[in-house]
Amino acid sequence: VYNIQFSAQLDKTGGSATDVFIWIRVNGNSVPYSATKVVIDGPNNEIVAAWNWVLTLSEGDYIELAWQSPDTAVILLAAPPSGNIPEIPSVILTVTWASNVST
Protein backbone atom coordinates (compact mmCIF):
# COMPACT_ATOMS: atom_id res chain seq x y z
CA VAL A 1 0.00 0.00 0.00
CA TYR A 2 1.45 3.34 -1.07
CA ASN A 3 0.52 6.96 -0.40
CA ILE A 4 0.98 8.93 -3.63
CA GLN A 5 1.06 12.72 -3.27
CA PHE A 6 1.57 15.46 -5.82
CA SER A 7 1.44 19.16 -6.41
CA ALA A 8 1.26 20.80 -9.84
CA GLN A 9 1.70 24.51 -10.66
CA LEU A 10 -0.97 25.31 -13.30
CA ASP A 11 -1.12 28.46 -15.40
CA LYS A 12 -2.56 29.74 -18.69
CA THR A 13 -0.78 31.63 -21.45
CA GLY A 14 -3.98 33.28 -22.71
CA GLY A 15 -7.76 33.08 -22.95
CA SER A 16 -10.45 32.84 -20.31
CA ALA A 17 -11.38 30.36 -17.57
CA THR A 18 -11.13 26.66 -18.33
CA ASP A 19 -11.27 23.23 -16.70
CA VAL A 20 -8.24 21.12 -15.90
CA PHE A 21 -8.63 17.44 -15.00
CA ILE A 22 -5.99 15.47 -13.08
CA TRP A 23 -6.05 11.75 -12.26
CA ILE A 24 -3.80 8.77 -11.64
CA ARG A 25 -3.12 5.76 -13.83
CA VAL A 26 -1.70 2.36 -12.88
CA ASN A 27 -0.05 0.25 -15.58
CA GLY A 28 -1.51 2.51 -18.26
CA ASN A 29 -5.09 2.29 -16.95
CA SER A 30 -7.01 5.16 -15.35
CA VAL A 31 -7.92 4.45 -11.72
CA PRO A 32 -11.70 4.74 -11.23
CA TYR A 33 -12.86 7.71 -9.12
CA SER A 34 -9.36 9.24 -9.09
CA ALA A 35 -10.03 12.32 -11.24
CA THR A 36 -10.57 15.84 -9.98
CA LYS A 37 -11.54 18.97 -11.89
CA VAL A 38 -10.05 22.36 -11.10
CA VAL A 39 -10.81 25.61 -12.89
CA ILE A 40 -8.10 28.09 -13.76
CA ASP A 41 -9.54 31.58 -14.19
CA GLY A 42 -7.29 32.84 -16.96
CA PRO A 43 -3.78 34.01 -17.74
CA ASN A 44 -1.54 34.86 -14.79
CA ASN A 45 -3.95 33.25 -12.32
CA GLU A 46 -1.65 30.44 -11.28
CA ILE A 47 -3.10 27.74 -9.05
CA VAL A 48 -1.56 24.76 -7.31
CA ALA A 49 -3.42 21.47 -7.52
CA ALA A 50 -2.37 19.08 -4.74
CA TRP A 51 -3.88 15.91 -3.33
CA ASN A 52 -3.06 12.28 -2.66
CA TRP A 53 -4.24 8.74 -3.29
CA VAL A 54 -3.66 5.55 -1.30
CA LEU A 55 -3.23 2.61 -3.65
CA THR A 56 -2.36 -1.05 -3.38
CA LEU A 57 0.38 -1.80 -5.91
CA SER A 58 2.11 -5.03 -6.90
CA GLU A 59 5.73 -5.63 -7.82
CA GLY A 60 6.33 -4.31 -11.33
CA ASP A 61 3.36 -1.90 -11.30
CA TYR A 62 3.98 1.63 -12.51
CA ILE A 63 2.01 4.82 -11.96
CA GLU A 64 1.39 7.89 -14.10
CA LEU A 65 0.04 11.27 -13.15
CA ALA A 66 -2.30 12.29 -15.99
CA TRP A 67 -3.80 15.68 -16.80
CA GLN A 68 -5.97 17.12 -19.54
CA SER A 69 -7.61 20.40 -20.46
CA PRO A 70 -9.75 21.35 -23.47
CA ASP A 71 -7.68 24.57 -23.64
CA THR A 72 -4.21 24.32 -25.21
CA ALA A 73 -3.17 27.50 -23.36
CA VAL A 74 -3.03 25.59 -20.03
CA ILE A 75 0.52 24.74 -18.95
CA LEU A 76 2.37 23.13 -16.09
CA LEU A 77 4.47 26.12 -15.08
CA ALA A 78 8.12 25.84 -14.09
CA ALA A 79 9.92 29.09 -13.33
CA PRO A 80 13.58 30.05 -12.82
CA PRO A 81 14.87 31.56 -9.59
CA SER A 82 14.21 35.24 -8.94
CA GLY A 83 16.32 37.09 -6.40
CA ASN A 84 16.26 35.07 -3.18
CA ILE A 85 13.27 32.95 -4.37
CA PRO A 86 14.34 29.50 -5.64
CA GLU A 87 13.07 27.79 -8.79
CA ILE A 88 9.42 26.73 -9.02
CA PRO A 89 9.03 23.12 -10.19
CA SER A 90 6.06 22.33 -12.44
CA VAL A 91 5.24 19.07 -10.60
CA ILE A 92 6.35 17.42 -7.37
CA LEU A 93 5.44 13.75 -6.93
CA THR A 94 6.09 11.74 -3.78
CA VAL A 95 5.41 8.02 -3.38
CA THR A 96 5.66 6.65 0.17
CA TRP A 97 5.30 3.06 1.29
CA ALA A 98 2.51 2.84 3.87
CA SER A 99 1.83 -0.83 4.65
CA ASN A 100 2.18 -4.43 3.50
CA VAL A 101 -1.55 -4.94 4.19
CA SER A 102 -3.85 -4.12 1.27
CA THR A 103 -6.90 -1.95 1.84
PDB file of N, CA and C in Angstrom:
ATOM      1  N   VAL A   1       0.858  -1.164   0.000  1.00  0.00           N
ATOM      2  CA  VAL A   1       0.000   0.000   0.000  1.00  0.00           C
ATOM      3  C   VAL A   1       0.905   1.228   0.000  1.00  0.00           C
ATOM      4  N   TYR A   2       0.636   2.143  -0.917  1.00  0.00           N
ATOM      5  CA  TYR A   2       1.454   3.342  -1.069  1.00  0.00           C
ATOM      6  C   TYR A   2       0.582   4.594  -0.987  1.00  0.00           C
ATOM      7  N   ASN A   3       1.141   5.640  -0.406  1.00  0.00           N
ATOM      8  CA  ASN A   3       0.520   6.956  -0.403  1.00  0.00           C
ATOM      9  C   ASN A   3       1.208   7.754  -1.502  1.00  0.00           C
ATOM     10  N   ILE A   4       0.451   8.203  -2.479  1.00  0.00           N
ATOM     11  CA  ILE A   4       0.984   8.929  -3.631  1.00  0.00           C
ATOM     12  C   ILE A   4       0.477  10.361  -3.541  1.00  0.00           C
ATOM     13  N   GLN A   5       1.407  11.310  -3.436  1.00  0.00           N
ATOM     14  CA  GLN A   5       1.059  12.719  -3.271  1.00  0.00           C
ATOM     15  C   GLN A   5       1.681  13.521  -4.402  1.00  0.00           C
ATOM     16  N   PHE A   6       1.003  14.595  -4.793  1.00  0.00           N
ATOM     17  CA  PHE A   6       1.573  15.459  -5.819  1.00  0.00           C
ATOM     18  C   PHE A   6       1.130  16.891  -5.613  1.00  0.00           C
ATOM     19  N   SER A   7       1.874  17.787  -6.227  1.00  0.00           N
ATOM     20  CA  SER A   7       1.436  19.162  -6.412  1.00  0.00           C
ATOM     21  C   SER A   7       1.847  19.562  -7.820  1.00  0.00           C
ATOM     22  N   ALA A   8       0.999  20.352  -8.475  1.00  0.00           N
ATOM     23  CA  ALA A   8       1.265  20.805  -9.839  1.00  0.00           C
ATOM     24  C   ALA A   8       0.943  22.292  -9.935  1.00  0.00           C
ATOM     25  N   GLN A   9       1.872  23.068 -10.473  1.00  0.00           N
ATOM     26  CA  GLN A   9       1.700  24.508 -10.655  1.00  0.00           C
ATOM     27  C   GLN A   9       1.062  24.733 -12.023  1.00  0.00           C
ATOM     28  N   LEU A  10      -0.227  25.117 -12.052  1.00  0.00           N
ATOM     29  CA  LEU A  10      -0.971  25.309 -13.296  1.00  0.00           C
ATOM     30  C   LEU A  10      -1.050  26.789 -13.646  1.00  0.00           C
ATOM     31  N   ASP A  11      -0.980  27.094 -14.926  1.00  0.00           N
ATOM     32  CA  ASP A  11      -1.117  28.460 -15.405  1.00  0.00           C
ATOM     33  C   ASP A  11      -1.710  28.427 -16.809  1.00  0.00           C
ATOM     34  N   LYS A  12      -2.066  29.608 -17.309  1.00  0.00           N
ATOM     35  CA  LYS A  12      -2.558  29.743 -18.687  1.00  0.00           C
ATOM     36  C   LYS A  12      -1.757  30.829 -19.383  1.00  0.00           C
ATOM     37  N   THR A  13      -1.524  30.640 -20.664  1.00  0.00           N
ATOM     38  CA  THR A  13      -0.781  31.628 -21.447  1.00  0.00           C
ATOM     39  C   THR A  13      -1.716  32.608 -22.144  1.00  0.00           C
ATOM     40  N   GLY A  14      -3.015  32.375 -22.091  1.00  0.00           N
ATOM     41  CA  GLY A  14      -3.980  33.277 -22.713  1.00  0.00           C
ATOM     42  C   GLY A  14      -5.382  32.720 -22.578  1.00  0.00           C
ATOM     43  N   GLY A  15      -6.376  33.542 -22.952  1.00  0.00           N
ATOM     44  CA  GLY A  15      -7.764  33.076 -22.948  1.00  0.00           C
ATOM     45  C   GLY A  15      -8.463  33.299 -21.629  1.00  0.00           C
ATOM     46  N   SER A  16      -9.609  32.661 -21.491  1.00  0.00           N
ATOM     47  CA  SER A  16     -10.451  32.836 -20.311  1.00  0.00           C
ATOM     48  C   SER A  16     -10.426  31.569 -19.458  1.00  0.00           C
ATOM     49  N   ALA A  17     -11.330  31.487 -18.499  1.00  0.00           N
ATOM     50  CA  ALA A  17     -11.377  30.360 -17.567  1.00  0.00           C
ATOM     51  C   ALA A  17     -11.574  29.035 -18.301  1.00  0.00           C
ATOM     52  N   THR A  18     -10.980  27.986 -17.747  1.00  0.00           N
ATOM     53  CA  THR A  18     -11.132  26.658 -18.332  1.00  0.00           C
ATOM     54  C   THR A  18     -10.925  25.586 -17.275  1.00  0.00           C
ATOM     55  N   ASP A  19     -11.412  24.393 -17.584  1.00  0.00           N
ATOM     56  CA  ASP A  19     -11.273  23.234 -16.705  1.00  0.00           C
ATOM     57  C   ASP A  19      -9.925  22.560 -16.920  1.00  0.00           C
ATOM     58  N   VAL A  20      -9.413  21.979 -15.838  1.00  0.00           N
ATOM     59  CA  VAL A  20      -8.235  21.117 -15.901  1.00  0.00           C
ATOM     60  C   VAL A  20      -8.574  19.873 -15.087  1.00  0.00           C
ATOM     61  N   PHE A  21      -8.349  18.712 -15.658  1.00  0.00           N
ATOM     62  CA  PHE A  21      -8.631  17.439 -15.005  1.00  0.00           C
ATOM     63  C   PHE A  21      -7.307  16.750 -14.695  1.00  0.00           C
ATOM     64  N   ILE A  22      -7.195  16.184 -13.490  1.00  0.00           N
ATOM     65  CA  ILE A  22      -5.992  15.469 -13.076  1.00  0.00           C
ATOM     66  C   ILE A  22      -6.424  14.153 -12.453  1.00  0.00           C
ATOM     67  N   TRP A  23      -5.724  13.068 -12.811  1.00  0.00           N
ATOM     68  CA  TRP A  23      -6.048  11.754 -12.265  1.00  0.00           C
ATOM     69  C   TRP A  23      -4.808  10.884 -12.271  1.00  0.00           C
ATOM     70  N   ILE A  24      -4.932   9.698 -11.711  1.00  0.00           N
ATOM     71  CA  ILE A  24      -3.801   8.772 -11.644  1.00  0.00           C
ATOM     72  C   ILE A  24      -4.098   7.537 -12.480  1.00  0.00           C
ATOM     73  N   ARG A  25      -3.028   6.977 -13.029  1.00  0.00           N
ATOM     74  CA  ARG A  25      -3.124   5.756 -13.832  1.00  0.00           C
ATOM     75  C   ARG A  25      -2.158   4.722 -13.259  1.00  0.00           C
ATOM     76  N   VAL A  26      -2.560   3.465 -13.301  1.00  0.00           N
ATOM     77  CA  VAL A  26      -1.697   2.358 -12.876  1.00  0.00           C
ATOM     78  C   VAL A  26      -1.568   1.412 -14.053  1.00  0.00           C
ATOM     79  N   ASN A  27      -0.340   1.143 -14.451  1.00  0.00           N
ATOM     80  CA  ASN A  27      -0.046   0.248 -15.576  1.00  0.00           C
ATOM     81  C   ASN A  27      -0.777   0.680 -16.846  1.00  0.00           C
ATOM     82  N   GLY A  28      -0.890   1.981 -17.053  1.00  0.00           N
ATOM     83  CA  GLY A  28      -1.513   2.508 -18.263  1.00  0.00           C
ATOM     84  C   GLY A  28      -3.029   2.611 -18.212  1.00  0.00           C
ATOM     85  N   ASN A  29      -3.630   2.258 -17.076  1.00  0.00           N
ATOM     86  CA  ASN A  29      -5.086   2.293 -16.947  1.00  0.00           C
ATOM     87  C   ASN A  29      -5.504   3.340 -15.925  1.00  0.00           C
ATOM     88  N   SER A  30      -6.496   4.145 -16.274  1.00  0.00           N
ATOM     89  CA  SER A  30      -7.009   5.158 -15.350  1.00  0.00           C
ATOM     90  C   SER A  30      -7.644   4.484 -14.143  1.00  0.00           C
ATOM     91  N   VAL A  31      -7.340   4.990 -12.959  1.00  0.00           N
ATOM     92  CA  VAL A  31      -7.915   4.452 -11.723  1.00  0.00           C
ATOM     93  C   VAL A  31      -9.315   5.058 -11.549  1.00  0.00           C
ATOM     94  N   PRO A  32     -10.342   4.222 -11.397  1.00  0.00           N
ATOM     95  CA  PRO A  32     -11.698   4.743 -11.227  1.00  0.00           C
ATOM     96  C   PRO A  32     -11.789   5.697 -10.032  1.00  0.00           C
ATOM     97  N   TYR A  33     -12.593   6.718 -10.176  1.00  0.00           N
ATOM     98  CA  TYR A  33     -12.860   7.710  -9.123  1.00  0.00           C
ATOM     99  C   TYR A  33     -11.600   8.432  -8.646  1.00  0.00           C
ATOM    100  N   SER A  34     -10.589   8.548  -9.496  1.00  0.00           N
ATOM    101  CA  SER A  34      -9.363   9.237  -9.089  1.00  0.00           C
ATOM    102  C   SER A  34      -9.227  10.627  -9.687  1.00  0.00           C
ATOM    103  N   ALA A  35     -10.135  11.026 -10.572  1.00  0.00           N
ATOM    104  CA  ALA A  35     -10.027  12.324 -11.244  1.00  0.00           C
ATOM    105  C   ALA A  35     -10.615  13.444 -10.395  1.00  0.00           C
ATOM    106  N   THR A  36     -10.051  14.623 -10.576  1.00  0.00           N
ATOM    107  CA  THR A  36     -10.573  15.840  -9.975  1.00  0.00           C
ATOM    108  C   THR A  36     -10.508  16.938 -11.015  1.00  0.00           C
ATOM    109  N   LYS A  37     -11.510  17.826 -10.993  1.00  0.00           N
ATOM    110  CA  LYS A  37     -11.537  18.970 -11.895  1.00  0.00           C
ATOM    111  C   LYS A  37     -11.228  20.223 -11.100  1.00  0.00           C
ATOM    112  N   VAL A  38     -10.305  21.030 -11.628  1.00  0.00           N
ATOM    113  CA  VAL A  38     -10.053  22.355 -11.096  1.00  0.00           C
ATOM    114  C   VAL A  38     -10.281  23.343 -12.233  1.00  0.00           C
ATOM    115  N   VAL A  39     -10.593  24.574 -11.888  1.00  0.00           N
ATOM    116  CA  VAL A  39     -10.812  25.609 -12.891  1.00  0.00           C
ATOM    117  C   VAL A  39      -9.757  26.688 -12.710  1.00  0.00           C
ATOM    118  N   ILE A  40      -9.055  26.993 -13.781  1.00  0.00           N
ATOM    119  CA  ILE A  40      -8.098  28.088 -13.757  1.00  0.00           C
ATOM    120  C   ILE A  40      -8.761  29.279 -14.437  1.00  0.00           C
ATOM    121  N   ASP A  41      -8.753  30.423 -13.767  1.00  0.00           N
ATOM    122  CA  ASP A  41      -9.543  31.580 -14.192  1.00  0.00           C
ATOM    123  C   ASP A  41      -9.058  32.259 -15.463  1.00  0.00           C
ATOM    124  N   GLY A  42      -7.809  32.182 -15.774  1.00  0.00           N
ATOM    125  CA  GLY A  42      -7.293  32.842 -16.965  1.00  0.00           C
ATOM    126  C   GLY A  42      -5.805  33.062 -16.837  1.00  0.00           C
ATOM    127  N   PRO A  43      -5.218  33.809 -17.765  1.00  0.00           N
ATOM    128  CA  PRO A  43      -3.777  34.012 -17.736  1.00  0.00           C
ATOM    129  C   PRO A  43      -3.331  34.702 -16.453  1.00  0.00           C
ATOM    130  N   ASN A  44      -2.158  34.292 -15.996  1.00  0.00           N
ATOM    131  CA  ASN A  44      -1.541  34.864 -14.791  1.00  0.00           C
ATOM    132  C   ASN A  44      -2.397  34.690 -13.540  1.00  0.00           C
ATOM    133  N   ASN A  45      -3.177  33.633 -13.508  1.00  0.00           N
ATOM    134  CA  ASN A  45      -3.951  33.250 -12.321  1.00  0.00           C
ATOM    135  C   ASN A  45      -3.504  31.866 -11.875  1.00  0.00           C
ATOM    136  N   GLU A  46      -2.223  31.732 -11.617  1.00  0.00           N
ATOM    137  CA  GLU A  46      -1.651  30.437 -11.277  1.00  0.00           C
ATOM    138  C   GLU A  46      -2.398  29.801 -10.099  1.00  0.00           C
ATOM    139  N   ILE A  47      -2.551  28.495 -10.170  1.00  0.00           N
ATOM    140  CA  ILE A  47      -3.103  27.738  -9.048  1.00  0.00           C
ATOM    141  C   ILE A  47      -2.232  26.515  -8.838  1.00  0.00           C
ATOM    142  N   VAL A  48      -2.271  25.997  -7.629  1.00  0.00           N
ATOM    143  CA  VAL A  48      -1.560  24.759  -7.310  1.00  0.00           C
ATOM    144  C   VAL A  48      -2.596  23.698  -7.003  1.00  0.00           C
ATOM    145  N   ALA A  49      -2.581  22.639  -7.785  1.00  0.00           N
ATOM    146  CA  ALA A  49      -3.422  21.471  -7.516  1.00  0.00           C
ATOM    147  C   ALA A  49      -2.580  20.510  -6.688  1.00  0.00           C
ATOM    148  N   ALA A  50      -3.129  19.997  -5.594  1.00  0.00           N
ATOM    149  CA  ALA A  50      -2.373  19.081  -4.736  1.00  0.00           C
ATOM    150  C   ALA A  50      -3.339  18.166  -3.998  1.00  0.00           C
ATOM    151  N   TRP A  51      -3.116  16.883  -4.095  1.00  0.00           N
ATOM    152  CA  TRP A  51      -3.879  15.913  -3.325  1.00  0.00           C
ATOM    153  C   TRP A  51      -3.127  14.598  -3.321  1.00  0.00           C
ATOM    154  N   ASN A  52      -3.740  13.569  -2.745  1.00  0.00           N
ATOM    155  CA  ASN A  52      -3.064  12.277  -2.662  1.00  0.00           C
ATOM    156  C   ASN A  52      -4.057  11.135  -2.855  1.00  0.00           C
ATOM    157  N   TRP A  53      -3.482   9.997  -3.174  1.00  0.00           N
ATOM    158  CA  TRP A  53      -4.236   8.744  -3.287  1.00  0.00           C
ATOM    159  C   TRP A  53      -3.506   7.694  -2.460  1.00  0.00           C
ATOM    160  N   VAL A  54      -4.248   6.722  -1.952  1.00  0.00           N
ATOM    161  CA  VAL A  54      -3.663   5.553  -1.299  1.00  0.00           C
ATOM    162  C   VAL A  54      -4.031   4.365  -2.161  1.00  0.00           C
ATOM    163  N   LEU A  55      -2.998   3.699  -2.706  1.00  0.00           N
ATOM    164  CA  LEU A  55      -3.226   2.607  -3.655  1.00  0.00           C
ATOM    165  C   LEU A  55      -2.457   1.358  -3.257  1.00  0.00           C
ATOM    166  N   THR A  56      -3.058   0.218  -3.522  1.00  0.00           N
ATOM    167  CA  THR A  56      -2.361  -1.050  -3.377  1.00  0.00           C
ATOM    168  C   THR A  56      -1.700  -1.362  -4.711  1.00  0.00           C
ATOM    169  N   LEU A  57      -0.387  -1.515  -4.702  1.00  0.00           N
ATOM    170  CA  LEU A  57       0.377  -1.799  -5.915  1.00  0.00           C
ATOM    171  C   LEU A  57       1.105  -3.124  -5.768  1.00  0.00           C
ATOM    172  N   SER A  58       1.361  -3.780  -6.878  1.00  0.00           N
ATOM    173  CA  SER A  58       2.107  -5.032  -6.900  1.00  0.00           C
ATOM    174  C   SER A  58       3.491  -4.791  -7.484  1.00  0.00           C
ATOM    175  N   GLU A  59       4.386  -5.721  -7.239  1.00  0.00           N
ATOM    176  CA  GLU A  59       5.730  -5.630  -7.816  1.00  0.00           C
ATOM    177  C   GLU A  59       5.622  -5.493  -9.332  1.00  0.00           C
ATOM    178  N   GLY A  60       6.351  -4.544  -9.891  1.00  0.00           N
ATOM    179  CA  GLY A  60       6.334  -4.313 -11.333  1.00  0.00           C
ATOM    180  C   GLY A  60       5.291  -3.307 -11.798  1.00  0.00           C
ATOM    181  N   ASP A  61       4.354  -2.916 -10.925  1.00  0.00           N
ATOM    182  CA  ASP A  61       3.364  -1.902 -11.300  1.00  0.00           C
ATOM    183  C   ASP A  61       4.056  -0.553 -11.500  1.00  0.00           C
ATOM    184  N   TYR A  62       3.486   0.266 -12.363  1.00  0.00           N
ATOM    185  CA  TYR A  62       3.977   1.632 -12.509  1.00  0.00           C
ATOM    186  C   TYR A  62       2.796   2.584 -12.479  1.00  0.00           C
ATOM    187  N   ILE A  63       3.062   3.808 -12.051  1.00  0.00           N
ATOM    188  CA  ILE A  63       2.012   4.816 -11.955  1.00  0.00           C
ATOM    189  C   ILE A  63       2.332   5.980 -12.884  1.00  0.00           C
ATOM    190  N   GLU A  64       1.268   6.669 -13.297  1.00  0.00           N
ATOM    191  CA  GLU A  64       1.392   7.887 -14.097  1.00  0.00           C
ATOM    192  C   GLU A  64       0.446   8.929 -13.521  1.00  0.00           C
ATOM    193  N   LEU A  65       0.895  10.153 -13.489  1.00  0.00           N
ATOM    194  CA  LEU A  65       0.035  11.273 -13.148  1.00  0.00           C
ATOM    195  C   LEU A  65      -0.437  11.848 -14.476  1.00  0.00           C
ATOM    196  N   ALA A  66      -1.749  11.851 -14.710  1.00  0.00           N
ATOM    197  CA  ALA A  66      -2.305  12.291 -15.992  1.00  0.00           C
ATOM    198  C   ALA A  66      -3.056  13.601 -15.802  1.00  0.00           C
ATOM    199  N   TRP A  67      -3.039  14.426 -16.833  1.00  0.00           N
ATOM    200  CA  TRP A  67      -3.796  15.676 -16.795  1.00  0.00           C
ATOM    201  C   TRP A  67      -4.270  16.009 -18.188  1.00  0.00           C
ATOM    202  N   GLN A  68      -5.371  16.767 -18.250  1.00  0.00           N
ATOM    203  CA  GLN A  68      -5.969  17.124 -19.539  1.00  0.00           C
ATOM    204  C   GLN A  68      -6.785  18.399 -19.376  1.00  0.00           C
ATOM    205  N   SER A  69      -6.768  19.212 -20.410  1.00  0.00           N
ATOM    206  CA  SER A  69      -7.606  20.399 -20.465  1.00  0.00           C
ATOM    207  C   SER A  69      -8.076  20.581 -21.900  1.00  0.00           C
ATOM    208  N   PRO A  70      -9.302  21.068 -22.103  1.00  0.00           N
ATOM    209  CA  PRO A  70      -9.752  21.347 -23.469  1.00  0.00           C
ATOM    210  C   PRO A  70      -9.068  22.585 -24.057  1.00  0.00           C
ATOM    211  N   ASP A  71      -8.319  23.319 -23.234  1.00  0.00           N
ATOM    212  CA  ASP A  71      -7.680  24.570 -23.642  1.00  0.00           C
ATOM    213  C   ASP A  71      -6.176  24.358 -23.777  1.00  0.00           C
ATOM    214  N   THR A  72      -5.650  24.543 -24.973  1.00  0.00           N
ATOM    215  CA  THR A  72      -4.214  24.325 -25.207  1.00  0.00           C
ATOM    216  C   THR A  72      -3.341  25.412 -24.591  1.00  0.00           C
ATOM    217  N   ALA A  73      -3.946  26.453 -24.017  1.00  0.00           N
ATOM    218  CA  ALA A  73      -3.167  27.501 -23.356  1.00  0.00           C
ATOM    219  C   ALA A  73      -2.813  27.147 -21.910  1.00  0.00           C
ATOM    220  N   VAL A  74      -3.343  26.027 -21.388  1.00  0.00           N
ATOM    221  CA  VAL A  74      -3.028  25.593 -20.034  1.00  0.00           C
ATOM    222  C   VAL A  74      -1.648  24.934 -20.040  1.00  0.00           C
ATOM    223  N   ILE A  75      -0.831  25.315 -19.056  1.00  0.00           N
ATOM    224  CA  ILE A  75       0.517  24.745 -18.953  1.00  0.00           C
ATOM    225  C   ILE A  75       0.802  24.325 -17.520  1.00  0.00           C
ATOM    226  N   LEU A  76       1.763  23.419 -17.385  1.00  0.00           N
ATOM    227  CA  LEU A  76       2.366  23.131 -16.092  1.00  0.00           C
ATOM    228  C   LEU A  76       3.566  24.066 -16.004  1.00  0.00           C
ATOM    229  N   LEU A  77       3.488  25.051 -15.128  1.00  0.00           N
ATOM    230  CA  LEU A  77       4.471  26.121 -15.081  1.00  0.00           C
ATOM    231  C   LEU A  77       5.685  25.740 -14.245  1.00  0.00           C
ATOM    232  N   ALA A  78       6.857  25.881 -14.821  1.00  0.00           N
ATOM    233  CA  ALA A  78       8.118  25.840 -14.087  1.00  0.00           C
ATOM    234  C   ALA A  78       8.745  27.214 -14.281  1.00  0.00           C
ATOM    235  N   ALA A  79       9.358  27.744 -13.234  1.00  0.00           N
ATOM    236  CA  ALA A  79       9.918  29.088 -13.329  1.00  0.00           C
ATOM    237  C   ALA A  79      11.330  29.115 -12.751  1.00  0.00           C
ATOM    238  N   PRO A  80      12.214  29.940 -13.320  1.00  0.00           N
ATOM    239  CA  PRO A  80      13.583  30.055 -12.825  1.00  0.00           C
ATOM    240  C   PRO A  80      13.623  30.828 -11.509  1.00  0.00           C
ATOM    241  N   PRO A  81      14.762  30.803 -10.828  1.00  0.00           N
ATOM    242  CA  PRO A  81      14.872  31.564  -9.587  1.00  0.00           C
ATOM    243  C   PRO A  81      14.765  33.063  -9.855  1.00  0.00           C
ATOM    244  N   SER A  82      14.327  33.792  -8.833  1.00  0.00           N
ATOM    245  CA  SER A  82      14.211  35.245  -8.944  1.00  0.00           C
ATOM    246  C   SER A  82      14.654  35.856  -7.620  1.00  0.00           C
ATOM    247  N   GLY A  83      15.788  36.527  -7.632  1.00  0.00           N
ATOM    248  CA  GLY A  83      16.321  37.093  -6.396  1.00  0.00           C
ATOM    249  C   GLY A  83      16.607  35.994  -5.389  1.00  0.00           C
ATOM    250  N   ASN A  84      16.037  36.107  -4.188  1.00  0.00           N
ATOM    251  CA  ASN A  84      16.263  35.073  -3.176  1.00  0.00           C
ATOM    252  C   ASN A  84      15.220  33.962  -3.225  1.00  0.00           C
ATOM    253  N   ILE A  85      14.313  33.972  -4.230  1.00  0.00           N
ATOM    254  CA  ILE A  85      13.272  32.947  -4.373  1.00  0.00           C
ATOM    255  C   ILE A  85      13.812  31.840  -5.278  1.00  0.00           C
ATOM    256  N   PRO A  86      13.813  30.582  -4.810  1.00  0.00           N
ATOM    257  CA  PRO A  86      14.344  29.498  -5.638  1.00  0.00           C
ATOM    258  C   PRO A  86      13.414  29.152  -6.801  1.00  0.00           C
ATOM    259  N   GLU A  87      13.852  28.247  -7.645  1.00  0.00           N
ATOM    260  CA  GLU A  87      13.074  27.787  -8.795  1.00  0.00           C
ATOM    261  C   GLU A  87      11.719  27.242  -8.347  1.00  0.00           C
ATOM    262  N   ILE A  88      10.731  27.336  -9.248  1.00  0.00           N
ATOM    263  CA  ILE A  88       9.416  26.730  -9.024  1.00  0.00           C
ATOM    264  C   ILE A  88       9.330  25.509  -9.927  1.00  0.00           C
ATOM    265  N   PRO A  89       9.198  24.298  -9.347  1.00  0.00           N
ATOM    266  CA  PRO A  89       9.028  23.118 -10.187  1.00  0.00           C
ATOM    267  C   PRO A  89       7.596  23.035 -10.708  1.00  0.00           C
ATOM    268  N   SER A  90       7.414  22.463 -11.893  1.00  0.00           N
ATOM    269  CA  SER A  90       6.064  22.325 -12.436  1.00  0.00           C
ATOM    270  C   SER A  90       5.266  21.263 -11.681  1.00  0.00           C
ATOM    271  N   VAL A  91       5.920  20.164 -11.304  1.00  0.00           N
ATOM    272  CA  VAL A  91       5.239  19.072 -10.602  1.00  0.00           C
ATOM    273  C   VAL A  91       6.182  18.482  -9.561  1.00  0.00           C
ATOM    274  N   ILE A  92       5.632  18.184  -8.405  1.00  0.00           N
ATOM    275  CA  ILE A  92       6.349  17.423  -7.375  1.00  0.00           C
ATOM    276  C   ILE A  92       5.512  16.174  -7.114  1.00  0.00           C
ATOM    277  N   LEU A  93       6.129  15.017  -7.176  1.00  0.00           N
ATOM    278  CA  LEU A  93       5.437  13.747  -6.934  1.00  0.00           C
ATOM    279  C   LEU A  93       6.198  12.970  -5.875  1.00  0.00           C
ATOM    280  N   THR A  94       5.484  12.514  -4.849  1.00  0.00           N
ATOM    281  CA  THR A  94       6.090  11.739  -3.778  1.00  0.00           C
ATOM    282  C   THR A  94       5.310  10.439  -3.617  1.00  0.00           C
ATOM    283  N   VAL A  95       6.018   9.329  -3.584  1.00  0.00           N
ATOM    284  CA  VAL A  95       5.411   8.018  -3.377  1.00  0.00           C
ATOM    285  C   VAL A  95       6.033   7.427  -2.109  1.00  0.00           C
ATOM    286  N   THR A  96       5.188   7.140  -1.121  1.00  0.00           N
ATOM    287  CA  THR A  96       5.656   6.650   0.165  1.00  0.00           C
ATOM    288  C   THR A  96       5.007   5.321   0.484  1.00  0.00           C
ATOM    289  N   TRP A  97       5.823   4.349   0.846  1.00  0.00           N
ATOM    290  CA  TRP A  97       5.296   3.064   1.289  1.00  0.00           C
ATOM    291  C   TRP A  97       4.529   3.268   2.581  1.00  0.00           C
ATOM    292  N   ALA A  98       3.338   2.672   2.689  1.00  0.00           N
ATOM    293  CA  ALA A  98       2.509   2.842   3.874  1.00  0.00           C
ATOM    294  C   ALA A  98       2.314   1.546   4.650  1.00  0.00           C
ATOM    295  N   SER A  99       2.163   0.408   3.946  1.00  0.00           N
ATOM    296  CA  SER A  99       1.832  -0.832   4.645  1.00  0.00           C
ATOM    297  C   SER A  99       1.973  -2.010   3.701  1.00  0.00           C
ATOM    298  N   ASN A 100       2.196  -3.185   4.273  1.00  0.00           N
ATOM    299  CA  ASN A 100       2.177  -4.429   3.500  1.00  0.00           C
ATOM    300  C   ASN A 100       0.766  -5.003   3.412  1.00  0.00           C
ATOM    301  N   VAL A 101      -0.181  -4.432   4.141  1.00  0.00           N
ATOM    302  CA  VAL A 101      -1.548  -4.936   4.192  1.00  0.00           C
ATOM    303  C   VAL A 101      -2.384  -4.144   3.196  1.00  0.00           C
ATOM    304  N   SER A 102      -3.044  -4.822   2.265  1.00  0.00           N
ATOM    305  CA  SER A 102      -3.853  -4.120   1.269  1.00  0.00           C
ATOM    306  C   SER A 102      -5.148  -3.622   1.906  1.00  0.00           C
ATOM    307  N   THR A 103      -5.666  -2.537   1.310  1.00  0.00           N
ATOM    308  CA  THR A 103      -6.903  -1.949   1.842  1.00  0.00           C
ATOM    309  C   THR A 103      -8.121  -2.583   1.234  1.00  0.00           C
TER     310      THR A 103
END
